Amino acid sequence: MERILQPWPWYVSGPLIALIMAILMLLGKRFGMSSNLRTLCSVAGGGKAAELFRFDWKAQRWNLIVAMGAVIGGYIAINFLSGDTAVAINENTVEALKELGVKDGGKEYMPSLLFGVEAFSSIKTLGLLLIGGFLVGFGARYAGGCTSGHAISGLSNLQLPSLIAVIGFFAGGLLMVHFIFPLIF
């Protein structure tokens, strides 16, 4: 008999996230994934080209371990702990996605139109990825952190700038999905 795997319920995963945040706060650390990109650039010698990357990256080794754990944990979760990867979304949304060319909307977390290997064969998609990557990187730097840093770490520390950033992230996401995404596709 095949075992059906389900995501961890909120009452397990939520307290685990809170526990990790409490430990980081007690250790005087701040969580965020975008800071890992800065650290990786510093490790790779980015300090020779830009002042932003001139800092003691060894003090951030713990955060690189967190990033590595996120990658390894994601791999384990999708390959060993996940059953059906279909996303439970409204049928109207699935139909709207199909009209935009996303044929596997609702079937996978990452539609192949946007995340498949074939996306790299289109100049339009490559351009969108480059522009999107630049905007995300610029936005994370301008906002003083990424969504995970502000939404998890900043809000748990009751920081008003993080609340403003998270509101901006959600507003930007809604704007993108409802107005810009349909224009692109």
N, C-alpha and C. Protein backbone atom coordinates (compact mmCIF):
# COMPACT_ATOMS: atom_id res chain seq x y z
N MET A 1 0.84 -1.18 0.00
CA MET A 1 0.00 0.00 0.00
C MET A 1 0.89 1.24 0.00
N GLU A 2 0.62 2.15 -0.91
CA GLU A 2 1.43 3.36 -1.04
C GLU A 2 1.06 4.36 0.06
N ARG A 3 2.08 4.90 0.68
CA ARG A 3 1.87 5.90 1.73
C ARG A 3 1.69 7.27 1.10
N ILE A 4 0.63 7.98 1.48
CA ILE A 4 0.37 9.31 0.96
C ILE A 4 1.04 10.32 1.88
N LEU A 5 1.94 11.08 1.31
CA LEU A 5 2.68 12.07 2.10
C LEU A 5 1.99 13.42 2.04
N GLN A 6 1.95 14.08 3.16
CA GLN A 6 1.32 15.39 3.26
C GLN A 6 2.34 16.39 3.80
N PRO A 7 2.16 17.69 3.51
CA PRO A 7 3.04 18.69 4.12
C PRO A 7 2.85 18.69 5.64
N TRP A 8 3.89 19.13 6.33
CA TRP A 8 3.75 19.25 7.77
C TRP A 8 2.69 20.26 8.09
N PRO A 9 1.87 20.01 9.09
CA PRO A 9 0.82 20.98 9.45
C PRO A 9 1.43 22.23 10.08
N TRP A 10 0.69 23.32 10.02
CA TRP A 10 1.17 24.60 10.53
C TRP A 10 1.55 24.53 12.00
N TYR A 11 0.84 23.71 12.77
CA TYR A 11 1.10 23.65 14.20
C TYR A 11 2.39 22.89 14.54
N VAL A 12 3.02 22.28 13.54
CA VAL A 12 4.34 21.68 13.72
C VAL A 12 5.41 22.61 13.13
N SER A 13 5.21 22.98 11.86
CA SER A 13 6.23 23.78 11.19
C SER A 13 6.32 25.20 11.74
N GLY A 14 5.20 25.81 12.09
CA GLY A 14 5.21 27.18 12.64
C GLY A 14 6.03 27.29 13.92
N PRO A 15 5.75 26.44 14.92
CA PRO A 15 6.57 26.48 16.14
C PRO A 15 8.05 26.16 15.90
N LEU A 16 8.34 25.29 14.92
CA LEU A 16 9.75 25.01 14.61
C LEU A 16 10.44 26.25 14.07
N ILE A 17 9.76 26.99 13.19
CA ILE A 17 10.33 28.24 12.68
C ILE A 17 10.51 29.22 13.84
N ALA A 18 9.52 29.31 14.72
CA ALA A 18 9.62 30.21 15.87
C ALA A 18 10.79 29.81 16.78
N LEU A 19 11.00 28.53 16.97
CA LEU A 19 12.11 28.05 17.79
C LEU A 19 13.45 28.45 17.17
N ILE A 20 13.59 28.25 15.88
CA ILE A 20 14.83 28.64 15.19
C ILE A 20 15.05 30.14 15.32
N MET A 21 13.99 30.94 15.14
CA MET A 21 14.12 32.39 15.26
C MET A 21 14.52 32.79 16.67
N ALA A 22 13.97 32.14 17.67
CA ALA A 22 14.32 32.44 19.06
C ALA A 22 15.79 32.12 19.32
N ILE A 23 16.25 31.00 18.81
CA ILE A 23 17.67 30.63 18.97
C ILE A 23 18.56 31.66 18.28
N LEU A 24 18.21 32.07 17.05
CA LEU A 24 19.02 33.06 16.34
C LEU A 24 19.03 34.39 17.09
N MET A 25 17.87 34.80 17.63
CA MET A 25 17.82 36.05 18.38
C MET A 25 18.69 35.97 19.62
N LEU A 26 18.66 34.85 20.33
CA LEU A 26 19.50 34.67 21.52
C LEU A 26 20.99 34.70 21.17
N LEU A 27 21.32 34.23 19.98
CA LEU A 27 22.71 34.24 19.53
C LEU A 27 23.11 35.57 18.87
N GLY A 28 22.14 36.49 18.75
CA GLY A 28 22.43 37.79 18.14
C GLY A 28 22.57 37.72 16.63
N LYS A 29 21.94 36.74 16.00
CA LYS A 29 22.02 36.56 14.55
C LYS A 29 20.72 37.01 13.90
N ARG A 30 20.82 37.38 12.63
CA ARG A 30 19.64 37.73 11.83
C ARG A 30 19.56 36.78 10.66
N PHE A 31 18.35 36.31 10.41
CA PHE A 31 18.13 35.36 9.32
C PHE A 31 17.73 36.08 8.06
N GLY A 32 18.24 35.61 6.94
CA GLY A 32 17.85 36.13 5.63
C GLY A 32 18.68 35.44 4.56
N MET A 33 18.05 35.15 3.45
CA MET A 33 18.76 34.42 2.40
C MET A 33 19.55 35.35 1.46
N SER A 34 19.08 36.57 1.26
CA SER A 34 19.79 37.44 0.31
C SER A 34 21.18 37.81 0.81
N SER A 35 21.39 37.82 2.12
CA SER A 35 22.72 38.11 2.64
C SER A 35 23.71 37.03 2.25
N ASN A 36 23.22 35.82 1.97
CA ASN A 36 24.10 34.75 1.52
C ASN A 36 24.69 35.05 0.16
N LEU A 37 23.94 35.71 -0.71
CA LEU A 37 24.47 36.07 -2.02
C LEU A 37 25.64 37.04 -1.87
N ARG A 38 25.49 37.99 -0.96
CA ARG A 38 26.58 38.93 -0.69
C ARG A 38 27.80 38.18 -0.16
N THR A 39 27.56 37.24 0.75
CA THR A 39 28.65 36.47 1.33
C THR A 39 29.34 35.63 0.26
N LEU A 40 28.57 34.98 -0.61
CA LEU A 40 29.15 34.18 -1.68
C LEU A 40 29.98 35.03 -2.64
N CYS A 41 29.48 36.23 -2.94
CA CYS A 41 30.25 37.14 -3.80
C CYS A 41 31.55 37.55 -3.13
N SER A 42 31.52 37.75 -1.83
CA SER A 42 32.72 38.11 -1.09
C SER A 42 33.72 36.95 -1.10
N VAL A 43 33.22 35.74 -0.87
CA VAL A 43 34.07 34.55 -0.89
C VAL A 43 34.74 34.41 -2.26
N ALA A 44 33.98 34.70 -3.33
CA ALA A 44 34.50 34.56 -4.69
C ALA A 44 35.41 35.71 -5.11
N GLY A 45 35.63 36.68 -4.23
CA GLY A 45 36.54 37.77 -4.55
C GLY A 45 35.87 39.04 -5.03
N GLY A 46 34.58 39.16 -4.79
CA GLY A 46 33.84 40.34 -5.23
C GLY A 46 34.32 41.63 -4.59
N GLY A 47 35.03 41.51 -3.45
CA GLY A 47 35.55 42.69 -2.77
C GLY A 47 36.57 43.45 -3.60
N LYS A 48 37.17 42.78 -4.58
CA LYS A 48 38.13 43.44 -5.46
C LYS A 48 37.43 44.40 -6.41
N ALA A 49 36.14 44.14 -6.66
CA ALA A 49 35.40 44.95 -7.63
C ALA A 49 34.44 45.95 -7.00
N ALA A 50 33.96 45.67 -5.78
CA ALA A 50 32.95 46.54 -5.18
C ALA A 50 33.09 46.60 -3.67
N GLU A 51 32.90 47.77 -3.14
CA GLU A 51 32.99 48.00 -1.70
C GLU A 51 31.97 47.16 -0.93
N LEU A 52 30.80 46.94 -1.50
CA LEU A 52 29.74 46.18 -0.85
C LEU A 52 30.22 44.80 -0.39
N PHE A 53 31.15 44.21 -1.15
CA PHE A 53 31.60 42.85 -0.86
C PHE A 53 32.86 42.81 0.00
N ARG A 54 33.32 43.96 0.47
CA ARG A 54 34.50 44.00 1.33
C ARG A 54 34.06 43.97 2.79
N PHE A 55 33.99 42.77 3.33
CA PHE A 55 33.63 42.58 4.73
C PHE A 55 34.13 41.22 5.17
N ASP A 56 34.08 40.95 6.45
CA ASP A 56 34.55 39.67 6.99
C ASP A 56 33.50 38.60 6.75
N TRP A 57 33.59 37.92 5.61
CA TRP A 57 32.59 36.92 5.25
C TRP A 57 32.64 35.71 6.18
N LYS A 58 33.79 35.47 6.83
CA LYS A 58 33.89 34.31 7.72
C LYS A 58 32.94 34.42 8.91
N ALA A 59 32.58 35.65 9.26
CA ALA A 59 31.62 35.84 10.35
C ALA A 59 30.22 35.42 9.92
N GLN A 60 29.99 35.23 8.63
CA GLN A 60 28.68 34.83 8.10
C GLN A 60 28.63 33.36 7.68
N ARG A 61 29.65 32.58 8.05
CA ARG A 61 29.67 31.16 7.66
C ARG A 61 28.41 30.43 8.13
N TRP A 62 27.92 30.77 9.30
CA TRP A 62 26.73 30.09 9.84
C TRP A 62 25.55 30.26 8.89
N ASN A 63 25.43 31.44 8.26
CA ASN A 63 24.31 31.71 7.36
C ASN A 63 24.45 30.92 6.06
N LEU A 64 25.69 30.68 5.64
CA LEU A 64 25.91 29.83 4.46
C LEU A 64 25.46 28.40 4.75
N ILE A 65 25.65 27.96 5.97
CA ILE A 65 25.19 26.62 6.36
C ILE A 65 23.67 26.57 6.32
N VAL A 66 23.01 27.65 6.75
CA VAL A 66 21.55 27.73 6.66
C VAL A 66 21.11 27.61 5.20
N ALA A 67 21.78 28.34 4.30
CA ALA A 67 21.43 28.29 2.88
C ALA A 67 21.65 26.89 2.31
N MET A 68 22.76 26.26 2.69
CA MET A 68 23.04 24.91 2.23
C MET A 68 21.97 23.95 2.77
N GLY A 69 21.57 24.15 4.02
CA GLY A 69 20.51 23.33 4.60
C GLY A 69 19.19 23.50 3.88
N ALA A 70 18.90 24.74 3.43
CA ALA A 70 17.66 24.98 2.69
C ALA A 70 17.67 24.24 1.36
N VAL A 71 18.80 24.22 0.69
CA VAL A 71 18.91 23.51 -0.59
C VAL A 71 18.80 22.00 -0.37
N ILE A 72 19.54 21.49 0.59
CA ILE A 72 19.50 20.05 0.87
C ILE A 72 18.11 19.65 1.39
N GLY A 73 17.55 20.46 2.28
CA GLY A 73 16.21 20.18 2.80
C GLY A 73 15.16 20.20 1.71
N GLY A 74 15.27 21.14 0.77
CA GLY A 74 14.34 21.19 -0.35
C GLY A 74 14.44 19.95 -1.21
N TYR A 75 15.67 19.50 -1.45
CA TYR A 75 15.88 18.29 -2.25
C TYR A 75 15.27 17.07 -1.56
N ILE A 76 15.54 16.94 -0.27
CA ILE A 76 14.99 15.81 0.49
C ILE A 76 13.46 15.88 0.52
N ALA A 77 12.92 17.07 0.73
CA ALA A 77 11.47 17.23 0.81
C ALA A 77 10.78 16.83 -0.49
N ILE A 78 11.30 17.30 -1.62
CA ILE A 78 10.62 17.03 -2.89
C ILE A 78 10.83 15.59 -3.37
N ASN A 79 11.99 15.02 -3.06
CA ASN A 79 12.29 13.68 -3.56
C ASN A 79 11.91 12.55 -2.62
N PHE A 80 11.85 12.80 -1.31
CA PHE A 80 11.61 11.73 -0.37
C PHE A 80 10.41 11.95 0.55
N LEU A 81 9.98 13.18 0.72
CA LEU A 81 8.91 13.46 1.68
C LEU A 81 7.64 13.99 1.03
N SER A 82 7.62 14.09 -0.29
CA SER A 82 6.47 14.65 -0.98
C SER A 82 5.74 13.58 -1.77
N GLY A 83 4.44 13.66 -1.71
CA GLY A 83 3.62 12.78 -2.53
C GLY A 83 3.30 13.50 -3.83
N ASP A 84 2.07 13.85 -3.99
CA ASP A 84 1.60 14.57 -5.16
C ASP A 84 2.06 16.03 -5.08
N THR A 85 2.72 16.53 -6.13
CA THR A 85 3.21 17.91 -6.12
C THR A 85 2.21 18.88 -6.75
N ALA A 86 1.01 18.43 -6.98
CA ALA A 86 -0.01 19.33 -7.54
C ALA A 86 -0.35 20.41 -6.52
N VAL A 87 -0.66 21.58 -7.02
CA VAL A 87 -1.00 22.72 -6.18
C VAL A 87 -2.52 22.88 -6.19
N ALA A 88 -3.11 22.96 -5.01
CA ALA A 88 -4.56 23.10 -4.91
C ALA A 88 -4.94 24.56 -5.13
N ILE A 89 -5.24 24.90 -6.39
CA ILE A 89 -5.66 26.26 -6.71
C ILE A 89 -7.01 26.21 -7.41
N ASN A 90 -7.67 27.32 -7.43
CA ASN A 90 -9.00 27.45 -8.00
C ASN A 90 -8.97 27.09 -9.50
N GLU A 91 -10.00 26.41 -9.97
CA GLU A 91 -10.10 26.02 -11.38
C GLU A 91 -10.10 27.23 -12.31
N ASN A 92 -10.70 28.34 -11.86
CA ASN A 92 -10.68 29.56 -12.68
C ASN A 92 -9.25 30.05 -12.89
N THR A 93 -8.42 29.92 -11.85
CA THR A 93 -7.01 30.31 -11.96
C THR A 93 -6.29 29.39 -12.93
N VAL A 94 -6.56 28.10 -12.86
CA VAL A 94 -5.95 27.13 -13.79
C VAL A 94 -6.32 27.49 -15.22
N GLU A 95 -7.59 27.81 -15.46
CA GLU A 95 -8.03 28.19 -16.81
C GLU A 95 -7.37 29.48 -17.28
N ALA A 96 -7.27 30.46 -16.37
CA ALA A 96 -6.62 31.73 -16.72
C ALA A 96 -5.14 31.50 -17.06
N LEU A 97 -4.49 30.62 -16.33
CA LEU A 97 -3.09 30.30 -16.62
C LEU A 97 -2.95 29.61 -17.98
N LYS A 98 -3.89 28.72 -18.29
CA LYS A 98 -3.86 28.05 -19.60
C LYS A 98 -4.01 29.05 -20.74
N GLU A 99 -4.86 30.07 -20.53
CA GLU A 99 -5.02 31.11 -21.55
C GLU A 99 -3.73 31.90 -21.76
N LEU A 100 -2.91 31.98 -20.71
CA LEU A 100 -1.64 32.69 -20.80
C LEU A 100 -0.52 31.79 -21.29
N GLY A 101 -0.81 30.50 -21.53
CA GLY A 101 0.20 29.59 -22.04
C GLY A 101 0.82 28.68 -20.99
N VAL A 102 0.39 28.78 -19.76
CA VAL A 102 0.92 27.92 -18.69
C VAL A 102 0.03 26.68 -18.64
N LYS A 103 0.46 25.63 -19.33
CA LYS A 103 -0.37 24.44 -19.48
C LYS A 103 -0.39 23.56 -18.23
N ASP A 104 0.66 23.64 -17.41
CA ASP A 104 0.72 22.78 -16.23
C ASP A 104 0.41 23.53 -14.94
N GLY A 105 -0.32 24.63 -15.04
CA GLY A 105 -0.74 25.37 -13.85
C GLY A 105 -1.61 24.52 -12.96
N GLY A 106 -1.31 24.48 -11.69
CA GLY A 106 -2.06 23.66 -10.75
C GLY A 106 -1.53 22.24 -10.64
N LYS A 107 -0.67 21.84 -11.56
CA LYS A 107 -0.11 20.49 -11.53
C LYS A 107 1.25 20.46 -10.84
N GLU A 108 1.97 21.57 -10.92
CA GLU A 108 3.31 21.64 -10.34
C GLU A 108 3.49 22.99 -9.66
N TYR A 109 4.43 23.03 -8.73
CA TYR A 109 4.73 24.30 -8.07
C TYR A 109 5.44 25.25 -9.01
N MET A 110 6.24 24.72 -9.91
CA MET A 110 7.01 25.55 -10.82
C MET A 110 6.68 25.17 -12.27
N PRO A 111 5.79 25.92 -12.91
CA PRO A 111 5.39 25.59 -14.29
C PRO A 111 6.59 25.57 -15.24
N SER A 112 6.61 24.58 -16.12
CA SER A 112 7.75 24.43 -17.03
C SER A 112 7.88 25.61 -17.99
N LEU A 113 6.80 26.31 -18.30
CA LEU A 113 6.89 27.49 -19.17
C LEU A 113 7.85 28.51 -18.58
N LEU A 114 7.85 28.63 -17.28
CA LEU A 114 8.70 29.62 -16.61
C LEU A 114 10.00 29.03 -16.08
N PHE A 115 9.99 27.75 -15.69
CA PHE A 115 11.13 27.18 -14.99
C PHE A 115 11.76 25.98 -15.67
N GLY A 116 11.23 25.54 -16.80
CA GLY A 116 11.78 24.39 -17.50
C GLY A 116 13.01 24.77 -18.31
N VAL A 117 13.73 23.77 -18.75
CA VAL A 117 14.95 23.98 -19.53
C VAL A 117 14.64 24.75 -20.81
N GLU A 118 13.46 24.50 -21.40
CA GLU A 118 13.10 25.17 -22.65
C GLU A 118 12.96 26.68 -22.48
N ALA A 119 12.77 27.15 -21.25
CA ALA A 119 12.66 28.59 -21.00
C ALA A 119 13.95 29.31 -21.39
N PHE A 120 15.07 28.59 -21.33
CA PHE A 120 16.36 29.21 -21.65
C PHE A 120 16.62 29.30 -23.15
N SER A 121 15.75 28.72 -23.96
CA SER A 121 15.94 28.79 -25.40
C SER A 121 15.25 30.00 -26.02
N SER A 122 14.46 30.70 -25.25
CA SER A 122 13.74 31.87 -25.73
C SER A 122 14.45 33.15 -25.30
N ILE A 123 14.75 34.01 -26.24
CA ILE A 123 15.39 35.29 -25.94
C ILE A 123 14.48 36.12 -25.02
N LYS A 124 13.19 36.08 -25.28
CA LYS A 124 12.23 36.83 -24.46
C LYS A 124 12.29 36.36 -23.01
N THR A 125 12.26 35.04 -22.80
CA THR A 125 12.29 34.50 -21.44
C THR A 125 13.62 34.80 -20.77
N LEU A 126 14.72 34.66 -21.50
CA LEU A 126 16.03 34.99 -20.93
C LEU A 126 16.08 36.46 -20.51
N GLY A 127 15.56 37.33 -21.35
CA GLY A 127 15.52 38.76 -21.01
C GLY A 127 14.69 39.01 -19.77
N LEU A 128 13.53 38.36 -19.68
CA LEU A 128 12.68 38.51 -18.50
C LEU A 128 13.37 37.99 -17.24
N LEU A 129 14.08 36.86 -17.37
CA LEU A 129 14.81 36.33 -16.22
C LEU A 129 15.91 37.29 -15.77
N LEU A 130 16.64 37.85 -16.72
CA LEU A 130 17.70 38.80 -16.36
C LEU A 130 17.14 40.07 -15.72
N ILE A 131 16.10 40.61 -16.31
CA ILE A 131 15.48 41.82 -15.75
C ILE A 131 14.88 41.51 -14.38
N GLY A 132 14.17 40.38 -14.28
CA GLY A 132 13.57 39.98 -13.00
C GLY A 132 14.63 39.75 -11.93
N GLY A 133 15.72 39.07 -12.30
CA GLY A 133 16.80 38.84 -11.35
C GLY A 133 17.42 40.14 -10.87
N PHE A 134 17.63 41.06 -11.80
CA PHE A 134 18.17 42.37 -11.43
C PHE A 134 17.22 43.10 -10.48
N LEU A 135 15.94 43.10 -10.81
CA LEU A 135 14.97 43.80 -9.97
C LEU A 135 14.85 43.17 -8.58
N VAL A 136 14.88 41.85 -8.52
CA VAL A 136 14.82 41.18 -7.21
C VAL A 136 16.08 41.50 -6.40
N GLY A 137 17.23 41.41 -7.04
CA GLY A 137 18.48 41.73 -6.34
C GLY A 137 18.52 43.18 -5.88
N PHE A 138 18.14 44.09 -6.77
CA PHE A 138 18.11 45.51 -6.41
C PHE A 138 17.10 45.75 -5.30
N GLY A 139 15.92 45.15 -5.43
CA GLY A 139 14.88 45.34 -4.42
C GLY A 139 15.30 44.81 -3.06
N ALA A 140 15.92 43.64 -3.04
CA ALA A 140 16.37 43.08 -1.76
C ALA A 140 17.43 43.97 -1.13
N ARG A 141 18.32 44.50 -1.94
CA ARG A 141 19.36 45.39 -1.41
C ARG A 141 18.75 46.72 -0.95
N TYR A 142 17.86 47.27 -1.74
CA TYR A 142 17.23 48.55 -1.42
C TYR A 142 16.36 48.44 -0.16
N ALA A 143 15.67 47.29 -0.02
CA ALA A 143 14.79 47.09 1.14
C ALA A 143 15.57 46.64 2.38
N GLY A 144 16.86 46.42 2.22
CA GLY A 144 17.66 45.99 3.36
C GLY A 144 17.45 44.53 3.72
N GLY A 145 17.00 43.73 2.76
CA GLY A 145 16.80 42.31 2.99
C GLY A 145 15.76 41.74 2.06
N CYS A 146 15.67 40.44 2.07
CA CYS A 146 14.74 39.74 1.19
C CYS A 146 13.44 39.41 1.93
N THR A 147 12.56 38.72 1.25
CA THR A 147 11.27 38.38 1.85
C THR A 147 11.43 37.52 3.09
N SER A 148 12.32 36.54 3.03
CA SER A 148 12.49 35.68 4.21
C SER A 148 13.08 36.46 5.37
N GLY A 149 14.04 37.33 5.10
CA GLY A 149 14.64 38.12 6.17
C GLY A 149 13.65 39.05 6.83
N HIS A 150 12.89 39.76 6.03
CA HIS A 150 11.92 40.71 6.60
C HIS A 150 10.71 39.99 7.20
N ALA A 151 10.14 39.03 6.45
CA ALA A 151 8.90 38.40 6.88
C ALA A 151 9.10 37.48 8.08
N ILE A 152 10.22 36.82 8.15
CA ILE A 152 10.43 35.89 9.26
C ILE A 152 11.23 36.57 10.39
N SER A 153 12.40 37.06 10.04
CA SER A 153 13.27 37.62 11.07
C SER A 153 12.82 39.01 11.52
N GLY A 154 12.57 39.90 10.57
CA GLY A 154 12.20 41.27 10.92
C GLY A 154 10.88 41.37 11.65
N LEU A 155 9.88 40.64 11.17
CA LEU A 155 8.58 40.69 11.85
C LEU A 155 8.63 40.05 13.23
N SER A 156 9.44 38.99 13.38
CA SER A 156 9.54 38.37 14.70
C SER A 156 10.25 39.29 15.69
N ASN A 157 11.04 40.23 15.18
CA ASN A 157 11.69 41.24 16.03
C ASN A 157 10.85 42.50 16.15
N LEU A 158 9.62 42.47 15.59
CA LEU A 158 8.68 43.60 15.64
C LEU A 158 9.28 44.88 15.03
N GLN A 159 9.97 44.74 13.91
CA GLN A 159 10.58 45.88 13.25
C GLN A 159 9.60 46.50 12.25
N LEU A 160 9.29 47.77 12.44
CA LEU A 160 8.36 48.47 11.55
C LEU A 160 8.85 48.48 10.10
N PRO A 161 10.15 48.71 9.82
CA PRO A 161 10.60 48.67 8.42
C PRO A 161 10.33 47.31 7.77
N SER A 162 10.41 46.23 8.53
CA SER A 162 10.11 44.91 7.97
C SER A 162 8.64 44.77 7.65
N LEU A 163 7.77 45.32 8.49
CA LEU A 163 6.33 45.28 8.21
C LEU A 163 6.04 46.04 6.92
N ILE A 164 6.65 47.21 6.77
CA ILE A 164 6.46 48.01 5.55
C ILE A 164 6.99 47.26 4.34
N ALA A 165 8.16 46.63 4.48
CA ALA A 165 8.73 45.86 3.37
C ALA A 165 7.83 44.70 2.98
N VAL A 166 7.31 43.97 3.97
CA VAL A 166 6.45 42.82 3.68
C VAL A 166 5.16 43.27 2.98
N ILE A 167 4.59 44.36 3.42
CA ILE A 167 3.40 44.91 2.74
C ILE A 167 3.76 45.25 1.30
N GLY A 168 4.94 45.83 1.10
CA GLY A 168 5.39 46.15 -0.26
C GLY A 168 5.60 44.90 -1.10
N PHE A 169 6.16 43.83 -0.50
CA PHE A 169 6.37 42.58 -1.23
C PHE A 169 5.03 42.02 -1.72
N PHE A 170 4.04 41.99 -0.82
CA PHE A 170 2.74 41.45 -1.19
C PHE A 170 2.05 42.33 -2.24
N ALA A 171 2.13 43.63 -2.06
CA ALA A 171 1.51 44.54 -3.05
C ALA A 171 2.19 44.37 -4.40
N GLY A 172 3.50 44.27 -4.41
CA GLY A 172 4.23 44.06 -5.67
C GLY A 172 3.88 42.74 -6.31
N GLY A 173 3.74 41.69 -5.51
CA GLY A 173 3.35 40.38 -6.04
C GLY A 173 1.97 40.40 -6.66
N LEU A 174 1.03 41.06 -5.98
CA LEU A 174 -0.33 41.17 -6.52
C LEU A 174 -0.33 41.98 -7.82
N LEU A 175 0.42 43.06 -7.84
CA LEU A 175 0.53 43.89 -9.04
C LEU A 175 1.11 43.08 -10.20
N MET A 176 2.14 42.33 -9.91
CA MET A 176 2.79 41.51 -10.94
C MET A 176 1.82 40.47 -11.50
N VAL A 177 1.19 39.71 -10.62
CA VAL A 177 0.33 38.61 -11.05
C VAL A 177 -0.90 39.08 -11.80
N HIS A 178 -1.51 40.17 -11.33
CA HIS A 178 -2.78 40.59 -11.91
C HIS A 178 -2.65 41.55 -13.09
N PHE A 179 -1.54 42.28 -13.18
CA PHE A 179 -1.44 43.30 -14.23
C PHE A 179 -0.26 43.09 -15.17
N ILE A 180 0.93 42.85 -14.63
CA ILE A 180 2.12 42.77 -15.47
C ILE A 180 2.26 41.40 -16.12
N PHE A 181 2.06 40.32 -15.37
CA PHE A 181 2.18 38.98 -15.91
C PHE A 181 1.30 38.75 -17.14
N PRO A 182 0.03 39.15 -17.11
CA PRO A 182 -0.80 38.97 -18.32
C PRO A 182 -0.29 39.78 -19.52
N LEU A 183 0.35 40.91 -19.29
CA LEU A 183 0.90 41.69 -20.40
C LEU A 183 2.12 41.02 -21.01
N ILE A 184 2.90 40.34 -20.19
CA ILE A 184 4.12 39.69 -20.67
C ILE A 184 3.78 38.47 -21.49
N PHE A 185 2.79 37.70 -21.02
CA PHE A 185 2.45 36.45 -21.70
C PHE A 185 1.16 36.65 -22.44
